[in-house]
Amino acid sequence: MLEQVLTHIHNWFQVGIYRGTYIIQDGGITLPFLKDGQYFRITGSVFNDGLHRYGPEMELLQDETFDGSIWSLAIPKSVVNLAAEIAAWKEKYGAVIDSPYTSESFGGYSYSKASGAGDSTGSGGWQAAFRARLNPYRKLREI
């Protein structure tokens, strides 16, 4: 969810970009410019593009050699926490959001889903429901 949030707000909290040839071997990569627990983004890889967290608890990567970039990131704890909160919200309201129906009724039961801007019940998706809290971190899209 954190990667979706960063993409949505057009802000990766970039510290540096390191271009070069990188080798991922035995599911890991050595990046001396990162600290344990620091987030980084891989671009230009066939198998491993995306957001990762460096250190001993890093998920296994697919072995490959690639020419690309490693972005060192300094994502604020508040954004990481907000992404976790959004993930929990999506878990709670996901079925309602994904439903193609705005209302239904059967056997004395009726249900309506609001349309338009988001609210706490899930209409409009997580982007609308969390817009005000995401806006302080938003960047204009780079051209």
N, C-alpha and C. Protein backbone atom coordinates (compact mmCIF):
# COMPACT_ATOMS: atom_id res chain seq x y z
N MET A 1 0.82 -1.20 0.00
CA MET A 1 0.00 0.00 0.00
C MET A 1 0.86 1.26 0.00
N LEU A 2 2.01 1.20 0.66
CA LEU A 2 2.88 2.37 0.73
C LEU A 2 3.30 2.81 -0.67
N GLU A 3 3.63 1.87 -1.53
CA GLU A 3 4.05 2.22 -2.89
C GLU A 3 2.90 2.90 -3.64
N GLN A 4 1.67 2.42 -3.46
CA GLN A 4 0.51 3.05 -4.10
C GLN A 4 0.33 4.49 -3.60
N VAL A 5 0.51 4.70 -2.32
CA VAL A 5 0.36 6.03 -1.74
C VAL A 5 1.41 6.98 -2.33
N LEU A 6 2.67 6.54 -2.36
CA LEU A 6 3.74 7.39 -2.88
C LEU A 6 3.52 7.72 -4.35
N THR A 7 3.05 6.74 -5.12
CA THR A 7 2.74 6.99 -6.53
C THR A 7 1.61 8.00 -6.65
N HIS A 8 0.59 7.83 -5.83
CA HIS A 8 -0.58 8.72 -5.89
C HIS A 8 -0.22 10.17 -5.56
N ILE A 9 0.65 10.38 -4.58
CA ILE A 9 0.99 11.75 -4.18
C ILE A 9 2.18 12.30 -4.97
N HIS A 10 2.71 11.49 -5.89
CA HIS A 10 3.86 11.92 -6.72
C HIS A 10 5.04 12.36 -5.87
N ASN A 11 5.26 11.67 -4.76
CA ASN A 11 6.35 12.04 -3.86
C ASN A 11 6.97 10.77 -3.30
N TRP A 12 8.22 10.54 -3.66
CA TRP A 12 8.95 9.37 -3.17
C TRP A 12 9.90 9.74 -2.04
N PHE A 13 9.98 11.01 -1.67
CA PHE A 13 10.87 11.48 -0.60
C PHE A 13 12.31 11.05 -0.88
N GLN A 14 12.71 11.36 -2.10
CA GLN A 14 14.01 10.98 -2.64
C GLN A 14 15.15 11.70 -1.94
N VAL A 15 16.18 10.95 -1.58
CA VAL A 15 17.40 11.53 -1.01
C VAL A 15 18.49 11.55 -2.07
N GLY A 16 18.59 10.48 -2.84
CA GLY A 16 19.59 10.40 -3.89
C GLY A 16 19.23 9.35 -4.91
N ILE A 17 19.80 9.48 -6.10
CA ILE A 17 19.61 8.49 -7.16
C ILE A 17 20.99 7.98 -7.56
N TYR A 18 21.15 6.67 -7.54
CA TYR A 18 22.42 6.04 -7.85
C TYR A 18 22.23 5.16 -9.09
N ARG A 19 22.80 5.63 -10.22
CA ARG A 19 22.69 4.90 -11.47
C ARG A 19 23.90 4.00 -11.64
N GLY A 20 23.65 2.83 -12.23
CA GLY A 20 24.77 1.92 -12.46
C GLY A 20 24.30 0.53 -12.82
N THR A 21 25.23 -0.39 -12.79
CA THR A 21 24.94 -1.80 -13.02
C THR A 21 24.88 -2.47 -11.65
N TYR A 22 23.80 -3.16 -11.37
CA TYR A 22 23.59 -3.78 -10.06
C TYR A 22 23.40 -5.28 -10.23
N ILE A 23 23.89 -6.02 -9.25
CA ILE A 23 23.77 -7.47 -9.24
C ILE A 23 22.96 -7.88 -8.01
N ILE A 24 21.89 -8.60 -8.26
CA ILE A 24 21.11 -9.20 -7.19
C ILE A 24 21.42 -10.68 -7.22
N GLN A 25 22.01 -11.15 -6.11
CA GLN A 25 22.46 -12.53 -6.06
C GLN A 25 21.96 -13.17 -4.77
N ASP A 26 21.51 -14.39 -4.86
CA ASP A 26 20.97 -15.13 -3.71
C ASP A 26 19.86 -14.35 -3.01
N GLY A 27 19.09 -13.59 -3.82
CA GLY A 27 17.93 -12.86 -3.29
C GLY A 27 18.25 -11.56 -2.60
N GLY A 28 19.51 -11.14 -2.60
CA GLY A 28 19.89 -9.91 -1.91
C GLY A 28 20.75 -9.01 -2.75
N ILE A 29 20.90 -7.80 -2.26
CA ILE A 29 21.74 -6.80 -2.92
C ILE A 29 22.45 -5.99 -1.85
N THR A 30 23.70 -5.67 -2.09
CA THR A 30 24.47 -4.87 -1.15
C THR A 30 24.48 -3.42 -1.63
N LEU A 31 23.98 -2.54 -0.78
CA LEU A 31 23.91 -1.12 -1.12
C LEU A 31 24.50 -0.32 0.05
N PRO A 32 25.79 -0.01 -0.03
CA PRO A 32 26.46 0.63 1.10
C PRO A 32 25.97 2.05 1.41
N PHE A 33 25.24 2.65 0.49
CA PHE A 33 24.73 3.99 0.72
C PHE A 33 23.38 4.00 1.46
N LEU A 34 22.86 2.82 1.80
CA LEU A 34 21.60 2.73 2.55
C LEU A 34 21.85 2.23 3.96
N LYS A 35 20.95 2.59 4.86
CA LYS A 35 20.99 2.11 6.23
C LYS A 35 19.92 1.05 6.43
N ASP A 36 20.14 0.16 7.39
CA ASP A 36 19.14 -0.87 7.68
C ASP A 36 17.80 -0.22 8.00
N GLY A 37 16.76 -0.73 7.38
CA GLY A 37 15.41 -0.20 7.60
C GLY A 37 15.02 0.91 6.65
N GLN A 38 15.97 1.42 5.87
CA GLN A 38 15.68 2.52 4.95
C GLN A 38 14.97 1.98 3.70
N TYR A 39 14.00 2.74 3.23
CA TYR A 39 13.29 2.37 2.01
C TYR A 39 14.12 2.78 0.80
N PHE A 40 13.99 2.00 -0.27
CA PHE A 40 14.63 2.34 -1.53
C PHE A 40 13.75 1.85 -2.67
N ARG A 41 13.97 2.46 -3.82
CA ARG A 41 13.20 2.12 -5.02
C ARG A 41 14.16 1.67 -6.10
N ILE A 42 13.82 0.57 -6.75
CA ILE A 42 14.59 0.07 -7.89
C ILE A 42 13.84 0.44 -9.16
N THR A 43 14.56 1.00 -10.13
CA THR A 43 14.01 1.26 -11.46
C THR A 43 14.98 0.71 -12.50
N GLY A 44 14.44 0.21 -13.59
CA GLY A 44 15.27 -0.31 -14.68
C GLY A 44 15.54 -1.79 -14.58
N SER A 45 14.97 -2.45 -13.61
CA SER A 45 15.14 -3.89 -13.44
C SER A 45 14.02 -4.63 -14.18
N VAL A 46 14.29 -5.82 -14.61
CA VAL A 46 13.26 -6.63 -15.25
C VAL A 46 12.34 -7.24 -14.20
N PHE A 47 12.91 -7.70 -13.08
CA PHE A 47 12.14 -8.46 -12.09
C PHE A 47 11.89 -7.73 -10.78
N ASN A 48 12.63 -6.70 -10.45
CA ASN A 48 12.59 -6.16 -9.08
C ASN A 48 12.21 -4.69 -8.97
N ASP A 49 11.70 -4.08 -10.05
CA ASP A 49 11.28 -2.68 -9.95
C ASP A 49 10.29 -2.51 -8.81
N GLY A 50 10.42 -1.40 -8.09
CA GLY A 50 9.45 -1.12 -7.04
C GLY A 50 10.11 -0.70 -5.74
N LEU A 51 9.28 -0.61 -4.72
CA LEU A 51 9.67 -0.15 -3.40
C LEU A 51 10.12 -1.34 -2.55
N HIS A 52 11.23 -1.17 -1.84
CA HIS A 52 11.78 -2.21 -0.98
C HIS A 52 12.31 -1.55 0.29
N ARG A 53 12.55 -2.38 1.29
CA ARG A 53 13.13 -1.89 2.54
C ARG A 53 14.43 -2.64 2.78
N TYR A 54 15.50 -1.90 2.97
CA TYR A 54 16.84 -2.48 3.06
C TYR A 54 17.10 -3.07 4.44
N GLY A 55 17.92 -4.11 4.45
CA GLY A 55 18.36 -4.68 5.72
C GLY A 55 18.10 -6.17 5.81
N PRO A 56 18.37 -6.72 6.99
CA PRO A 56 18.26 -8.16 7.16
C PRO A 56 16.84 -8.71 6.98
N GLU A 57 15.83 -7.89 7.15
CA GLU A 57 14.45 -8.35 7.00
C GLU A 57 13.87 -8.01 5.62
N MET A 58 14.74 -7.61 4.68
CA MET A 58 14.30 -7.29 3.33
C MET A 58 13.75 -8.55 2.66
N GLU A 59 12.66 -8.38 1.90
CA GLU A 59 12.11 -9.53 1.18
C GLU A 59 13.13 -10.00 0.14
N LEU A 60 13.05 -11.26 -0.21
CA LEU A 60 13.97 -11.81 -1.21
C LEU A 60 13.67 -11.20 -2.57
N LEU A 61 14.72 -10.82 -3.25
CA LEU A 61 14.60 -10.29 -4.60
C LEU A 61 14.94 -11.39 -5.59
N GLN A 62 14.51 -11.21 -6.82
CA GLN A 62 14.82 -12.17 -7.88
C GLN A 62 16.22 -11.89 -8.40
N ASP A 63 17.04 -12.92 -8.48
CA ASP A 63 18.41 -12.76 -8.96
C ASP A 63 18.43 -12.22 -10.38
N GLU A 64 19.29 -11.23 -10.60
CA GLU A 64 19.48 -10.66 -11.93
C GLU A 64 20.61 -9.64 -11.89
N THR A 65 21.11 -9.29 -13.04
CA THR A 65 22.03 -8.17 -13.22
C THR A 65 21.30 -7.18 -14.11
N PHE A 66 21.29 -5.91 -13.70
CA PHE A 66 20.56 -4.92 -14.49
C PHE A 66 21.26 -3.58 -14.47
N ASP A 67 21.04 -2.80 -15.52
CA ASP A 67 21.47 -1.41 -15.58
C ASP A 67 20.26 -0.58 -15.21
N GLY A 68 20.36 0.17 -14.15
CA GLY A 68 19.21 0.95 -13.71
C GLY A 68 19.59 1.91 -12.60
N SER A 69 18.60 2.22 -11.78
CA SER A 69 18.80 3.18 -10.71
C SER A 69 18.27 2.64 -9.39
N ILE A 70 18.94 3.04 -8.34
CA ILE A 70 18.47 2.80 -6.98
C ILE A 70 18.23 4.18 -6.38
N TRP A 71 17.02 4.40 -5.93
CA TRP A 71 16.68 5.67 -5.28
C TRP A 71 16.72 5.45 -3.77
N SER A 72 17.53 6.20 -3.07
CA SER A 72 17.47 6.14 -1.61
C SER A 72 16.36 7.10 -1.17
N LEU A 73 15.55 6.65 -0.23
CA LEU A 73 14.37 7.40 0.17
C LEU A 73 14.40 7.70 1.67
N ALA A 74 13.74 8.78 2.04
CA ALA A 74 13.58 9.15 3.45
C ALA A 74 12.09 9.40 3.69
N ILE A 75 11.32 8.33 3.69
CA ILE A 75 9.87 8.43 3.84
C ILE A 75 9.55 8.71 5.30
N PRO A 76 8.83 9.79 5.58
CA PRO A 76 8.48 10.11 6.97
C PRO A 76 7.64 9.01 7.61
N LYS A 77 7.86 8.78 8.88
CA LYS A 77 7.09 7.78 9.63
C LYS A 77 5.59 8.06 9.53
N SER A 78 5.23 9.34 9.50
CA SER A 78 3.81 9.69 9.41
C SER A 78 3.18 9.18 8.11
N VAL A 79 3.94 9.17 7.01
CA VAL A 79 3.43 8.66 5.74
C VAL A 79 3.34 7.14 5.78
N VAL A 80 4.32 6.48 6.38
CA VAL A 80 4.28 5.03 6.52
C VAL A 80 3.06 4.63 7.35
N ASN A 81 2.82 5.35 8.46
CA ASN A 81 1.67 5.06 9.31
C ASN A 81 0.35 5.32 8.58
N LEU A 82 0.31 6.39 7.81
CA LEU A 82 -0.90 6.72 7.05
C LEU A 82 -1.19 5.62 6.01
N ALA A 83 -0.15 5.11 5.36
CA ALA A 83 -0.33 4.02 4.39
C ALA A 83 -0.89 2.77 5.09
N ALA A 84 -0.43 2.49 6.29
CA ALA A 84 -0.95 1.34 7.05
C ALA A 84 -2.42 1.57 7.41
N GLU A 85 -2.75 2.80 7.77
CA GLU A 85 -4.14 3.14 8.09
C GLU A 85 -5.03 3.01 6.85
N ILE A 86 -4.53 3.42 5.70
CA ILE A 86 -5.28 3.28 4.44
C ILE A 86 -5.49 1.80 4.11
N ALA A 87 -4.46 0.99 4.33
CA ALA A 87 -4.59 -0.45 4.07
C ALA A 87 -5.68 -1.06 4.95
N ALA A 88 -5.73 -0.66 6.21
CA ALA A 88 -6.77 -1.16 7.12
C ALA A 88 -8.15 -0.68 6.67
N TRP A 89 -8.22 0.57 6.23
CA TRP A 89 -9.48 1.13 5.73
C TRP A 89 -9.96 0.37 4.49
N LYS A 90 -9.02 0.07 3.58
CA LYS A 90 -9.36 -0.69 2.37
C LYS A 90 -9.85 -2.09 2.73
N GLU A 91 -9.25 -2.70 3.74
CA GLU A 91 -9.67 -4.03 4.19
C GLU A 91 -11.12 -3.98 4.68
N LYS A 92 -11.44 -2.91 5.39
CA LYS A 92 -12.79 -2.78 5.96
C LYS A 92 -13.84 -2.46 4.90
N TYR A 93 -13.51 -1.55 3.97
CA TYR A 93 -14.49 -1.07 3.01
C TYR A 93 -14.28 -1.60 1.59
N GLY A 94 -13.32 -2.47 1.38
CA GLY A 94 -12.98 -2.95 0.04
C GLY A 94 -14.14 -3.56 -0.72
N ALA A 95 -14.94 -4.38 -0.05
CA ALA A 95 -16.06 -5.04 -0.73
C ALA A 95 -17.09 -4.03 -1.20
N VAL A 96 -17.33 -3.01 -0.40
CA VAL A 96 -18.30 -1.97 -0.78
C VAL A 96 -17.78 -1.17 -1.97
N ILE A 97 -16.51 -0.81 -1.92
CA ILE A 97 -15.91 0.00 -2.99
C ILE A 97 -15.91 -0.77 -4.30
N ASP A 98 -15.57 -2.05 -4.25
CA ASP A 98 -15.45 -2.85 -5.46
C ASP A 98 -16.78 -3.32 -6.03
N SER A 99 -17.84 -3.14 -5.28
CA SER A 99 -19.15 -3.58 -5.75
C SER A 99 -19.61 -2.72 -6.93
N PRO A 100 -20.14 -3.36 -7.98
CA PRO A 100 -20.62 -2.58 -9.12
C PRO A 100 -21.98 -1.95 -8.85
N TYR A 101 -22.59 -2.25 -7.73
CA TYR A 101 -23.94 -1.78 -7.43
C TYR A 101 -23.90 -0.56 -6.52
N THR A 102 -24.78 0.41 -6.81
CA THR A 102 -24.91 1.55 -5.93
C THR A 102 -26.05 1.35 -4.95
N SER A 103 -26.98 0.45 -5.29
CA SER A 103 -28.04 0.10 -4.35
C SER A 103 -28.63 -1.24 -4.75
N GLU A 104 -29.20 -1.89 -3.77
CA GLU A 104 -29.89 -3.14 -4.03
C GLU A 104 -30.91 -3.37 -2.93
N SER A 105 -31.89 -4.15 -3.21
CA SER A 105 -32.88 -4.50 -2.19
C SER A 105 -33.43 -5.89 -2.48
N PHE A 106 -33.66 -6.62 -1.42
CA PHE A 106 -34.26 -7.94 -1.54
C PHE A 106 -34.76 -8.38 -0.17
N GLY A 107 -35.87 -9.06 -0.14
CA GLY A 107 -36.41 -9.63 1.08
C GLY A 107 -36.53 -8.67 2.24
N GLY A 108 -36.96 -7.44 2.01
CA GLY A 108 -37.11 -6.49 3.10
C GLY A 108 -35.82 -5.77 3.48
N TYR A 109 -34.74 -6.06 2.79
CA TYR A 109 -33.46 -5.43 3.06
C TYR A 109 -33.13 -4.50 1.90
N SER A 110 -32.66 -3.31 2.21
CA SER A 110 -32.19 -2.43 1.14
C SER A 110 -30.86 -1.82 1.54
N TYR A 111 -30.09 -1.51 0.53
CA TYR A 111 -28.74 -0.99 0.74
C TYR A 111 -28.46 0.05 -0.33
N SER A 112 -27.87 1.17 0.05
CA SER A 112 -27.47 2.20 -0.90
C SER A 112 -26.05 2.63 -0.62
N LYS A 113 -25.32 2.83 -1.69
CA LYS A 113 -23.95 3.32 -1.58
C LYS A 113 -23.94 4.72 -2.19
N ALA A 114 -23.41 5.67 -1.45
CA ALA A 114 -23.36 7.04 -1.95
C ALA A 114 -22.42 7.13 -3.14
N SER A 115 -22.66 8.10 -3.99
CA SER A 115 -21.76 8.34 -5.10
C SER A 115 -21.11 9.70 -4.92
N GLY A 116 -20.03 9.91 -5.62
CA GLY A 116 -19.37 11.21 -5.54
C GLY A 116 -18.15 11.17 -4.65
N ALA A 117 -17.90 12.26 -3.96
CA ALA A 117 -16.70 12.40 -3.14
C ALA A 117 -16.68 11.36 -2.03
N GLY A 118 -15.49 11.02 -1.61
CA GLY A 118 -15.32 9.99 -0.61
C GLY A 118 -15.76 10.40 0.77
N ASP A 119 -16.09 9.42 1.55
CA ASP A 119 -16.42 9.62 2.95
C ASP A 119 -15.96 8.39 3.72
N SER A 120 -16.28 8.32 4.99
CA SER A 120 -15.79 7.22 5.81
C SER A 120 -16.38 5.88 5.43
N THR A 121 -17.41 5.84 4.61
CA THR A 121 -18.02 4.56 4.23
C THR A 121 -17.43 4.00 2.95
N GLY A 122 -16.51 4.69 2.33
CA GLY A 122 -15.81 4.10 1.21
C GLY A 122 -16.16 4.62 -0.16
N SER A 123 -17.17 5.45 -0.29
CA SER A 123 -17.47 5.93 -1.64
C SER A 123 -16.37 6.89 -2.08
N GLY A 124 -15.93 6.75 -3.30
CA GLY A 124 -14.87 7.60 -3.82
C GLY A 124 -13.49 7.01 -3.66
N GLY A 125 -13.36 5.89 -2.97
CA GLY A 125 -12.07 5.24 -2.81
C GLY A 125 -11.19 5.87 -1.74
N TRP A 126 -10.08 5.21 -1.48
CA TRP A 126 -9.18 5.69 -0.43
C TRP A 126 -8.58 7.04 -0.78
N GLN A 127 -8.39 7.31 -2.08
CA GLN A 127 -7.80 8.58 -2.49
C GLN A 127 -8.67 9.75 -2.04
N ALA A 128 -9.98 9.59 -2.19
CA ALA A 128 -10.90 10.66 -1.78
C ALA A 128 -11.05 10.70 -0.26
N ALA A 129 -11.15 9.53 0.35
CA ALA A 129 -11.35 9.48 1.80
C ALA A 129 -10.17 10.06 2.57
N PHE A 130 -8.96 9.94 2.04
CA PHE A 130 -7.76 10.40 2.74
C PHE A 130 -7.13 11.63 2.08
N ARG A 131 -7.86 12.26 1.16
CA ARG A 131 -7.32 13.39 0.41
C ARG A 131 -6.73 14.48 1.31
N ALA A 132 -7.47 14.90 2.30
CA ALA A 132 -7.02 16.01 3.16
C ALA A 132 -5.74 15.65 3.92
N ARG A 133 -5.60 14.40 4.29
CA ARG A 133 -4.42 13.98 5.04
C ARG A 133 -3.23 13.71 4.12
N LEU A 134 -3.49 13.41 2.85
CA LEU A 134 -2.42 13.18 1.89
C LEU A 134 -1.89 14.47 1.27
N ASN A 135 -2.75 15.47 1.17
CA ASN A 135 -2.39 16.72 0.49
C ASN A 135 -1.11 17.39 0.99
N PRO A 136 -0.81 17.41 2.29
CA PRO A 136 0.43 18.06 2.71
C PRO A 136 1.69 17.41 2.14
N TYR A 137 1.61 16.17 1.72
CA TYR A 137 2.76 15.45 1.19
C TYR A 137 2.80 15.43 -0.34
N ARG A 138 1.75 15.92 -0.97
CA ARG A 138 1.61 15.83 -2.42
C ARG A 138 2.60 16.75 -3.14
N LYS A 139 3.12 16.26 -4.26
CA LYS A 139 3.96 17.06 -5.15
C LYS A 139 3.29 17.14 -6.49
N LEU A 140 3.58 18.20 -7.22
CA LEU A 140 3.10 18.27 -8.60
C LEU A 140 3.83 17.21 -9.41
N ARG A 141 3.16 16.67 -10.36
CA ARG A 141 3.78 15.64 -11.22
C ARG A 141 4.92 16.26 -11.98
N GLU A 142 6.05 15.56 -12.02
CA GLU A 142 7.20 16.04 -12.77
C GLU A 142 6.99 15.77 -14.25
N ILE A 143 7.40 16.70 -15.07
CA ILE A 143 7.22 16.57 -16.52
C ILE A 143 8.42 15.90 -17.14
